[in-house]
Amino acid sequence: MNISVDPAEGSVRLNLPRQTYSRDAMSIAAHVFSNRAEVYQRASKTGHELTLVAKRPDCDEAALESLGGEFLNELLNQEYRFIVARFNRKIADRISAQTLLSARGGENPKKPEADSPELAEQLKKLMAAAEAEIRLTMPKKLPPQGPLYTPPPDAR
């Protein structure tokens, strides 16, 4: 791992091993840091080259070094979350399957009772109201979720 700080540009450069950190973990860490720094990423065969450009213009060398360290901590945290999720995947799938099976009534669920006409009419009204509410409140287009940016041509 290699860290270099450039106070004139207000940036921190990180060279990280590719086998240690995934691109997904970097994307999430970049999104977490999107209010503090812009994160540019370039991948090579052996590693990831990251450039963090601080959004605060008055960052000295110590503040930039701290920013790089905090980003590495967040990146490690996100990678650890992925590892724990993979480790617990089988048991989480089994718990979900058992929960759904129990909610359904076990191995041989009884047949549902026929709905009364009054209940069917109430359900129809509720569904229409819910659909109208969704149409009014759902955004037409979701904003981007903080993707990693490619470095500008003059970043080298």
C-alpha atoms as a PDB file:
ATOM      1  CA  MET A   1       0.000   0.000   0.000  1.00  0.00           C
ATOM      2  CA  ASN A   2       1.357   3.378  -1.008  1.00  0.00           C
ATOM      3  CA  ILE A   3      -0.006   6.749   0.166  1.00  0.00           C
ATOM      4  CA  SER A   4       1.134  10.114  -1.173  1.00  0.00           C
ATOM      5  CA  VAL A   5      -0.230  13.552  -0.273  1.00  0.00           C
ATOM      6  CA  ASP A   6      -0.207  16.661  -2.474  1.00  0.00           C
ATOM      7  CA  PRO A   7      -1.286  19.735  -0.437  1.00  0.00           C
ATOM      8  CA  ALA A   8      -1.075  22.023  -3.482  1.00  0.00           C
ATOM      9  CA  GLU A   9      -3.782  20.022  -5.285  1.00  0.00           C
ATOM     10  CA  GLY A  10      -5.567  19.081  -2.063  1.00  0.00           C
ATOM     11  CA  SER A  11      -5.365  15.402  -3.001  1.00  0.00           C
ATOM     12  CA  VAL A  12      -4.308  12.046  -1.627  1.00  0.00           C
ATOM     13  CA  ARG A  13      -3.145   9.197  -3.874  1.00  0.00           C
ATOM     14  CA  LEU A  14      -3.565   5.602  -2.712  1.00  0.00           C
ATOM     15  CA  ASN A  15      -2.206   2.492  -4.410  1.00  0.00           C
ATOM     16  CA  LEU A  16      -4.023  -0.561  -3.077  1.00  0.00           C
ATOM     17  CA  PRO A  17      -3.597  -4.272  -3.869  1.00  0.00           C
ATOM     18  CA  ARG A  18      -6.306  -5.624  -6.133  1.00  0.00           C
ATOM     19  CA  GLN A  19      -6.695  -8.960  -4.319  1.00  0.00           C
ATOM     20  CA  THR A  20      -7.500  -7.209  -1.010  1.00  0.00           C
ATOM     21  CA  TYR A  21     -10.229  -4.737  -2.001  1.00  0.00           C
ATOM     22  CA  SER A  22     -13.192  -5.264  -4.343  1.00  0.00           C
ATOM     23  CA  ARG A  23     -14.585  -2.661  -6.715  1.00  0.00           C
ATOM     24  CA  ASP A  24     -17.972  -2.826  -4.941  1.00  0.00           C
ATOM     25  CA  ALA A  25     -16.392  -1.972  -1.588  1.00  0.00           C
ATOM     26  CA  MET A  26     -14.585   0.969  -3.207  1.00  0.00           C
ATOM     27  CA  SER A  27     -17.830   2.211  -4.760  1.00  0.00           C
ATOM     28  CA  ILE A  28     -19.628   2.169  -1.417  1.00  0.00           C
ATOM     29  CA  ALA A  29     -16.716   3.811   0.407  1.00  0.00           C
ATOM     30  CA  ALA A  30     -16.570   6.499  -2.307  1.00  0.00           C
ATOM     31  CA  HIS A  31     -20.296   7.121  -1.852  1.00  0.00           C
ATOM     32  CA  VAL A  32     -19.852   7.436   1.925  1.00  0.00           C
ATOM     33  CA  PHE A  33     -17.071   9.987   1.339  1.00  0.00           C
ATOM     34  CA  SER A  34     -18.902  11.860  -1.445  1.00  0.00           C
ATOM     35  CA  ASN A  35     -19.590  14.861   0.809  1.00  0.00           C
ATOM     36  CA  ARG A  36     -15.921  15.118   1.868  1.00  0.00           C
ATOM     37  CA  ALA A  37     -13.936  14.218  -1.258  1.00  0.00           C
ATOM     38  CA  GLU A  38     -14.214  13.301  -4.898  1.00  0.00           C
ATOM     39  CA  VAL A  39     -12.807   9.833  -5.514  1.00  0.00           C
ATOM     40  CA  TYR A  40     -11.153   8.963  -8.808  1.00  0.00           C
ATOM     41  CA  GLN A  41     -10.181   5.363  -9.559  1.00  0.00           C
ATOM     42  CA  ARG A  42      -7.907   3.733 -12.116  1.00  0.00           C
ATOM     43  CA  ALA A  43      -7.400  -0.037 -12.130  1.00  0.00           C
ATOM     44  CA  SER A  44      -4.170  -1.748 -13.114  1.00  0.00           C
ATOM     45  CA  LYS A  45      -3.334  -5.450 -13.298  1.00  0.00           C
ATOM     46  CA  THR A  46      -1.996  -5.580  -9.755  1.00  0.00           C
ATOM     47  CA  GLY A  47      -3.895  -2.863  -7.937  1.00  0.00           C
ATOM     48  CA  HIS A  48      -6.235   0.062  -7.695  1.00  0.00           C
ATOM     49  CA  GLU A  49      -4.949   3.615  -7.974  1.00  0.00           C
ATOM     50  CA  LEU A  50      -7.262   5.960  -6.088  1.00  0.00           C
ATOM     51  CA  THR A  51      -7.094   9.744  -5.969  1.00  0.00           C
ATOM     52  CA  LEU A  52      -9.097  11.567  -3.323  1.00  0.00           C
ATOM     53  CA  VAL A  53      -9.563  15.293  -3.958  1.00  0.00           C
ATOM     54  CA  ALA A  54     -10.743  17.062  -0.814  1.00  0.00           C
ATOM     55  CA  LYS A  55     -13.787  19.282  -1.161  1.00  0.00           C
ATOM     56  CA  ARG A  56     -12.477  21.632   1.531  1.00  0.00           C
ATOM     57  CA  PRO A  57      -9.932  23.999  -0.028  1.00  0.00           C
ATOM     58  CA  ASP A  58      -8.012  24.687   3.220  1.00  0.00           C
ATOM     59  CA  CYS A  59      -6.662  21.153   3.860  1.00  0.00           C
ATOM     60  CA  ASP A  60      -3.057  20.957   4.992  1.00  0.00           C
ATOM     61  CA  GLU A  61      -0.848  17.871   4.738  1.00  0.00           C
ATOM     62  CA  ALA A  62      -1.983  16.438   8.091  1.00  0.00           C
ATOM     63  CA  ALA A  63      -5.666  16.860   7.202  1.00  0.00           C
ATOM     64  CA  LEU A  64      -5.141  15.177   3.834  1.00  0.00           C
ATOM     65  CA  GLU A  65      -3.259  12.316   5.453  1.00  0.00           C
ATOM     66  CA  SER A  66      -6.121  11.939   7.926  1.00  0.00           C
ATOM     67  CA  LEU A  67      -8.633  11.958   5.051  1.00  0.00           C
ATOM     68  CA  GLY A  68      -6.715   9.157   3.314  1.00  0.00           C
ATOM     69  CA  GLY A  69      -6.568   7.137   6.528  1.00  0.00           C
ATOM     70  CA  GLU A  70     -10.277   7.566   7.182  1.00  0.00           C
ATOM     71  CA  PHE A  71     -11.057   6.516   3.612  1.00  0.00           C
ATOM     72  CA  LEU A  72      -8.931   3.388   4.068  1.00  0.00           C
ATOM     73  CA  ASN A  73     -10.801   2.611   7.307  1.00  0.00           C
ATOM     74  CA  GLU A  74     -14.151   2.979   5.521  1.00  0.00           C
ATOM     75  CA  LEU A  75     -12.917   0.835   2.628  1.00  0.00           C
ATOM     76  CA  LEU A  76     -11.800  -1.870   5.048  1.00  0.00           C
ATOM     77  CA  ASN A  77     -15.165  -1.658   6.833  1.00  0.00           C
ATOM     78  CA  GLN A  78     -17.073  -2.139   3.563  1.00  0.00           C
ATOM     79  CA  GLU A  79     -14.866  -5.051   2.491  1.00  0.00           C
ATOM     80  CA  TYR A  80     -15.373  -6.672   5.900  1.00  0.00           C
ATOM     81  CA  ARG A  81     -19.157  -6.342   5.503  1.00  0.00           C
ATOM     82  CA  PHE A  82     -18.950  -8.238   2.195  1.00  0.00           C
ATOM     83  CA  ILE A  83     -16.848 -10.988   3.806  1.00  0.00           C
ATOM     84  CA  VAL A  84     -19.269 -11.374   6.726  1.00  0.00           C
ATOM     85  CA  ALA A  85     -22.239 -11.453   4.331  1.00  0.00           C
ATOM     86  CA  ARG A  86     -20.615 -14.231   2.263  1.00  0.00           C
ATOM     87  CA  PHE A  87     -19.743 -16.124   5.442  1.00  0.00           C
ATOM     88  CA  ASN A  88     -23.327 -15.925   6.770  1.00  0.00           C
ATOM     89  CA  ARG A  89     -25.081 -16.441   3.422  1.00  0.00           C
ATOM     90  CA  LYS A  90     -26.076 -20.099   3.911  1.00  0.00           C
ATOM     91  CA  ILE A  91     -27.556 -19.607   7.365  1.00  0.00           C
ATOM     92  CA  ALA A  92     -29.410 -16.430   6.273  1.00  0.00           C
ATOM     93  CA  ASP A  93     -30.899 -18.296   3.294  1.00  0.00           C
ATOM     94  CA  ARG A  94     -31.985 -21.158   5.532  1.00  0.00           C
ATOM     95  CA  ILE A  95     -33.597 -18.826   8.087  1.00  0.00           C
ATOM     96  CA  SER A  96     -35.456 -16.997   5.306  1.00  0.00           C
ATOM     97  CA  ALA A  97     -36.706 -20.263   3.793  1.00  0.00           C
ATOM     98  CA  GLN A  98     -37.908 -21.543   7.171  1.00  0.00           C
ATOM     99  CA  THR A  99     -39.646 -18.245   7.899  1.00  0.00           C
ATOM    100  CA  LEU A 100     -41.486 -18.278   4.583  1.00  0.00           C
ATOM    101  CA  LEU A 101     -42.420 -21.922   5.032  1.00  0.00           C
ATOM    102  CA  SER A 102     -43.791 -21.242   8.527  1.00  0.00           C
ATOM    103  CA  ALA A 103     -45.741 -18.189   7.367  1.00  0.00           C
ATOM    104  CA  ARG A 104     -47.330 -20.297   4.664  1.00  0.00           C
ATOM    105  CA  GLY A 105     -48.483 -22.880   7.188  1.00  0.00           C
ATOM    106  CA  GLY A 106     -45.723 -25.491   7.124  1.00  0.00           C
ATOM    107  CA  GLU A 107     -45.313 -28.386   4.701  1.00  0.00           C
ATOM    108  CA  ASN A 108     -49.026 -28.913   4.040  1.00  0.00           C
ATOM    109  CA  PRO A 109     -50.841 -25.590   4.368  1.00  0.00           C
ATOM    110  CA  LYS A 110     -54.611 -25.562   4.531  1.00  0.00           C
ATOM    111  CA  LYS A 111     -56.496 -24.067   1.630  1.00  0.00           C
ATOM    112  CA  PRO A 112     -57.407 -20.421   2.102  1.00  0.00           C
ATOM    113  CA  GLU A 113     -60.999 -19.598   2.832  1.00  0.00           C
ATOM    114  CA  ALA A 114     -62.968 -17.899   0.099  1.00  0.00           C
ATOM    115  CA  ASP A 115     -63.090 -14.121   0.399  1.00  0.00           C
ATOM    116  CA  SER A 116     -66.425 -12.511   1.076  1.00  0.00           C
ATOM    117  CA  PRO A 117     -67.682  -9.988  -1.513  1.00  0.00           C
ATOM    118  CA  GLU A 118     -67.370  -7.195   1.080  1.00  0.00           C
ATOM    119  CA  LEU A 119     -63.718  -8.045   1.715  1.00  0.00           C
ATOM    120  CA  ALA A 120     -62.961  -8.220  -2.012  1.00  0.00           C
ATOM    121  CA  GLU A 121     -64.516  -4.770  -2.513  1.00  0.00           C
ATOM    122  CA  GLN A 122     -62.524  -3.267   0.387  1.00  0.00           C
ATOM    123  CA  LEU A 123     -59.301  -4.797  -0.967  1.00  0.00           C
ATOM    124  CA  LYS A 124     -60.002  -3.333  -4.400  1.00  0.00           C
ATOM    125  CA  LYS A 125     -60.495   0.155  -2.872  1.00  0.00           C
ATOM    126  CA  LEU A 126     -57.321  -0.130  -0.760  1.00  0.00           C
ATOM    127  CA  MET A 127     -55.236  -1.282  -3.751  1.00  0.00           C
ATOM    128  CA  ALA A 128     -56.526   1.611  -5.878  1.00  0.00           C
ATOM    129  CA  ALA A 129     -55.667   4.097  -3.114  1.00  0.00           C
ATOM    130  CA  ALA A 130     -52.179   2.602  -2.718  1.00  0.00           C
ATOM    131  CA  GLU A 131     -51.525   2.764  -6.474  1.00  0.00           C
ATOM    132  CA  ALA A 132     -52.628   6.411  -6.569  1.00  0.00           C
ATOM    133  CA  GLU A 133     -50.339   7.238  -3.640  1.00  0.00           C
ATOM    134  CA  ILE A 134     -47.394   5.530  -5.347  1.00  0.00           C
ATOM    135  CA  ARG A 135     -47.994   7.469  -8.570  1.00  0.00           C
ATOM    136  CA  LEU A 136     -48.011  10.759  -6.628  1.00  0.00           C
ATOM    137  CA  THR A 137     -44.986  10.153  -4.416  1.00  0.00           C
ATOM    138  CA  MET A 138     -42.613   7.961  -6.461  1.00  0.00           C
ATOM    139  CA  PRO A 139     -39.850   9.937  -8.187  1.00  0.00           C
ATOM    140  CA  LYS A 140     -39.837   9.623 -11.957  1.00  0.00           C
ATOM    141  CA  LYS A 141     -36.056   9.284 -12.143  1.00  0.00           C
ATOM    142  CA  LEU A 142     -33.737   8.350  -9.294  1.00  0.00           C
ATOM    143  CA  PRO A 143     -30.552  10.437  -8.934  1.00  0.00           C
ATOM    144  CA  PRO A 144     -27.164   8.712  -9.413  1.00  0.00           C
ATOM    145  CA  GLN A 145     -25.839   7.028  -6.289  1.00  0.00           C
ATOM    146  CA  GLY A 146     -22.272   8.353  -6.262  1.00  0.00           C
ATOM    147  CA  PRO A 147     -20.346   6.282  -8.801  1.00  0.00           C
ATOM    148  CA  LEU A 148     -16.556   6.252  -8.881  1.00  0.00           C
ATOM    149  CA  TYR A 149     -15.239   8.823 -11.288  1.00  0.00           C
ATOM    150  CA  THR A 150     -12.461   8.203 -13.776  1.00  0.00           C
ATOM    151  CA  PRO A 151      -9.474  10.464 -13.181  1.00  0.00           C
ATOM    152  CA  PRO A 152      -9.244  13.624 -15.216  1.00  0.00           C
ATOM    153  CA  PRO A 153      -6.592  13.519 -17.975  1.00  0.00           C
ATOM    154  CA  ASP A 154      -4.280  15.862 -16.049  1.00  0.00           C
ATOM    155  CA  ALA A 155      -4.401  13.837 -12.780  1.00  0.00           C
ATOM    156  CA  ARG A 156      -1.040  12.160 -13.387  1.00  0.00           C
END
